[in-house]
Structure formats: C-alpha cells, structure tokens
C-alpha cells in the first residue's frame, strides 16, 4: 500500500513566509509563527525529513522522533506538532 502525504515543501513554506513579509512590510513582525497540527504519521515524516536534511551524516538508527519541529524561514517560525 502506498500512502501519499500532503506536507508543505520548503518552497511552499518560503512562499508563505515571503507573502507574510510582503503583506506586513510596514508592520513589526517579531514573533510571528504559524502552527501545523499533524496526525502522527505525517508528523513523523516531517520530523524525519528535516532531521536527515540537517544531519547529512546521520544513520537511520540516529533518528529519535520528537514532539515538535520548528523551522525559521525569512523570520517566520513554522511549528509542526503532532496531535493524538
């Protein structure tokens, strides 16, 4: 069985960050964050994907699932959390 995940790509996240920065260019943007609440499988996929993107030398056994993933793009913080 193949499962397809509709998770945001880096390009999509950057587009969101750029849009917010452009729309709020005259507004102070400190501490803007966007939160994605994901089911366990989708969250684990994102958690694992970003772990290996940031740890190129890591082995599969090095990955320990977390509870939250945070990315910062163009000053906008993206939080990914898992929901039960």
C-alpha atoms as a PDB file:
ATOM      1  CA  UNK A   1       0.000   0.000   0.000  1.00  0.00           C
ATOM      2  CA  UNK A   2       1.311   3.436  -0.912  1.00  0.00           C
ATOM      3  CA  UNK A   3       0.480   6.411   1.279  1.00  0.00           C
ATOM      4  CA  UNK A   4       0.661   9.920  -0.092  1.00  0.00           C
ATOM      5  CA  UNK A   5       1.362  12.748   2.310  1.00  0.00           C
ATOM      6  CA  UNK A   6       0.404  16.295   1.594  1.00  0.00           C
ATOM      7  CA  UNK A   7       3.082  18.024   3.594  1.00  0.00           C
ATOM      8  CA  UNK A   8       4.300  21.503   2.746  1.00  0.00           C
ATOM      9  CA  UNK A   9       7.532  21.683   0.768  1.00  0.00           C
ATOM     10  CA  UNK A  10      10.349  24.101   1.538  1.00  0.00           C
ATOM     11  CA  UNK A  11       9.292  26.154  -1.485  1.00  0.00           C
ATOM     12  CA  UNK A  12       5.716  26.357  -0.210  1.00  0.00           C
ATOM     13  CA  UNK A  13       6.857  27.383   3.273  1.00  0.00           C
ATOM     14  CA  UNK A  14       9.144  30.018   1.779  1.00  0.00           C
ATOM     15  CA  UNK A  15       6.232  31.318  -0.331  1.00  0.00           C
ATOM     16  CA  UNK A  16       4.120  31.656   2.813  1.00  0.00           C
ATOM     17  CA  UNK A  17       6.943  33.453   4.647  1.00  0.00           C
ATOM     18  CA  UNK A  18       7.552  35.795   1.698  1.00  0.00           C
ATOM     19  CA  UNK A  19       3.830  36.535   1.401  1.00  0.00           C
ATOM     20  CA  UNK A  20       3.579  37.408   5.104  1.00  0.00           C
ATOM     21  CA  UNK A  21       6.704  39.552   4.953  1.00  0.00           C
ATOM     22  CA  UNK A  22       5.404  41.412   1.894  1.00  0.00           C
ATOM     23  CA  UNK A  23       1.881  41.919   3.258  1.00  0.00           C
ATOM     24  CA  UNK A  24       3.171  43.084   6.635  1.00  0.00           C
ATOM     25  CA  UNK A  25       6.185  45.028   5.368  1.00  0.00           C
ATOM     26  CA  UNK A  26       5.127  48.125   7.311  1.00  0.00           C
ATOM     27  CA  UNK A  27       4.333  46.180  10.470  1.00  0.00           C
ATOM     28  CA  UNK A  28       6.641  44.842  13.150  1.00  0.00           C
ATOM     29  CA  UNK A  29       6.868  41.107  12.536  1.00  0.00           C
ATOM     30  CA  UNK A  30       8.653  39.883  15.640  1.00  0.00           C
ATOM     31  CA  UNK A  31       7.429  36.543  16.923  1.00  0.00           C
ATOM     32  CA  UNK A  32       5.163  35.625  14.036  1.00  0.00           C
ATOM     33  CA  UNK A  33       4.625  31.889  13.970  1.00  0.00           C
ATOM     34  CA  UNK A  34       2.450  29.501  12.014  1.00  0.00           C
ATOM     35  CA  UNK A  35       1.484  26.188  13.531  1.00  0.00           C
ATOM     36  CA  UNK A  36       0.621  22.985  11.700  1.00  0.00           C
ATOM     37  CA  UNK A  37      -1.165  20.283  13.698  1.00  0.00           C
ATOM     38  CA  UNK A  38      -0.463  16.931  12.071  1.00  0.00           C
ATOM     39  CA  UNK A  39      -1.522  13.350  12.602  1.00  0.00           C
ATOM     40  CA  UNK A  40       1.199  11.059  13.980  1.00  0.00           C
ATOM     41  CA  UNK A  41       2.258   9.536  10.646  1.00  0.00           C
ATOM     42  CA  UNK A  42       2.506  12.848   8.809  1.00  0.00           C
ATOM     43  CA  UNK A  43       4.337  14.475  11.708  1.00  0.00           C
ATOM     44  CA  UNK A  44       6.865  11.652  11.878  1.00  0.00           C
ATOM     45  CA  UNK A  45       7.515  12.006   8.134  1.00  0.00           C
ATOM     46  CA  UNK A  46       8.285  15.730   8.510  1.00  0.00           C
ATOM     47  CA  UNK A  47      10.304  15.166  11.685  1.00  0.00           C
ATOM     48  CA  UNK A  48      12.412  12.516   9.970  1.00  0.00           C
ATOM     49  CA  UNK A  49      12.780  14.505   6.744  1.00  0.00           C
ATOM     50  CA  UNK A  50      14.125  17.609   8.484  1.00  0.00           C
ATOM     51  CA  UNK A  51      16.320  15.562  10.818  1.00  0.00           C
ATOM     52  CA  UNK A  52      18.147  13.993   7.888  1.00  0.00           C
ATOM     53  CA  UNK A  53      18.267  17.280   5.921  1.00  0.00           C
ATOM     54  CA  UNK A  54      20.078  18.876   8.850  1.00  0.00           C
ATOM     55  CA  UNK A  55      22.197  15.835   9.786  1.00  0.00           C
ATOM     56  CA  UNK A  56      23.550  14.606   6.464  1.00  0.00           C
ATOM     57  CA  UNK A  57      25.939  12.108   8.073  1.00  0.00           C
ATOM     58  CA  UNK A  58      23.289  10.572  10.357  1.00  0.00           C
ATOM     59  CA  UNK A  59      22.342   6.930  10.137  1.00  0.00           C
ATOM     60  CA  UNK A  60      18.779   5.679  10.230  1.00  0.00           C
ATOM     61  CA  UNK A  61      19.333   4.455  13.783  1.00  0.00           C
ATOM     62  CA  UNK A  62      20.318   8.006  14.885  1.00  0.00           C
ATOM     63  CA  UNK A  63      16.790   9.334  14.381  1.00  0.00           C
ATOM     64  CA  UNK A  64      14.738   9.738  17.565  1.00  0.00           C
ATOM     65  CA  UNK A  65      11.219  11.071  16.984  1.00  0.00           C
ATOM     66  CA  UNK A  66      10.416  14.368  18.679  1.00  0.00           C
ATOM     67  CA  UNK A  67       7.243  16.127  19.752  1.00  0.00           C
ATOM     68  CA  UNK A  68       7.718  19.323  17.775  1.00  0.00           C
ATOM     69  CA  UNK A  69       9.624  20.529  14.716  1.00  0.00           C
ATOM     70  CA  UNK A  70      10.462  24.220  14.330  1.00  0.00           C
ATOM     71  CA  UNK A  71      11.699  25.897  11.172  1.00  0.00           C
ATOM     72  CA  UNK A  72      12.592  29.538  10.694  1.00  0.00           C
ATOM     73  CA  UNK A  73      12.262  30.935   7.192  1.00  0.00           C
ATOM     74  CA  UNK A  74      12.662  34.619   6.432  1.00  0.00           C
ATOM     75  CA  UNK A  75      11.944  35.484  10.056  1.00  0.00           C
ATOM     76  CA  UNK A  76       8.701  33.467  10.230  1.00  0.00           C
ATOM     77  CA  UNK A  77       8.643  30.498  12.587  1.00  0.00           C
ATOM     78  CA  UNK A  78       6.837  27.371  11.423  1.00  0.00           C
ATOM     79  CA  UNK A  79       5.866  24.912  14.159  1.00  0.00           C
ATOM     80  CA  UNK A  80       4.827  21.369  13.375  1.00  0.00           C
ATOM     81  CA  UNK A  81       3.228  19.491  16.244  1.00  0.00           C
ATOM     82  CA  UNK A  82       1.666  16.075  16.431  1.00  0.00           C
ATOM     83  CA  UNK A  83      -1.864  15.554  17.586  1.00  0.00           C
ATOM     84  CA  UNK A  84      -3.214  12.354  19.046  1.00  0.00           C
END
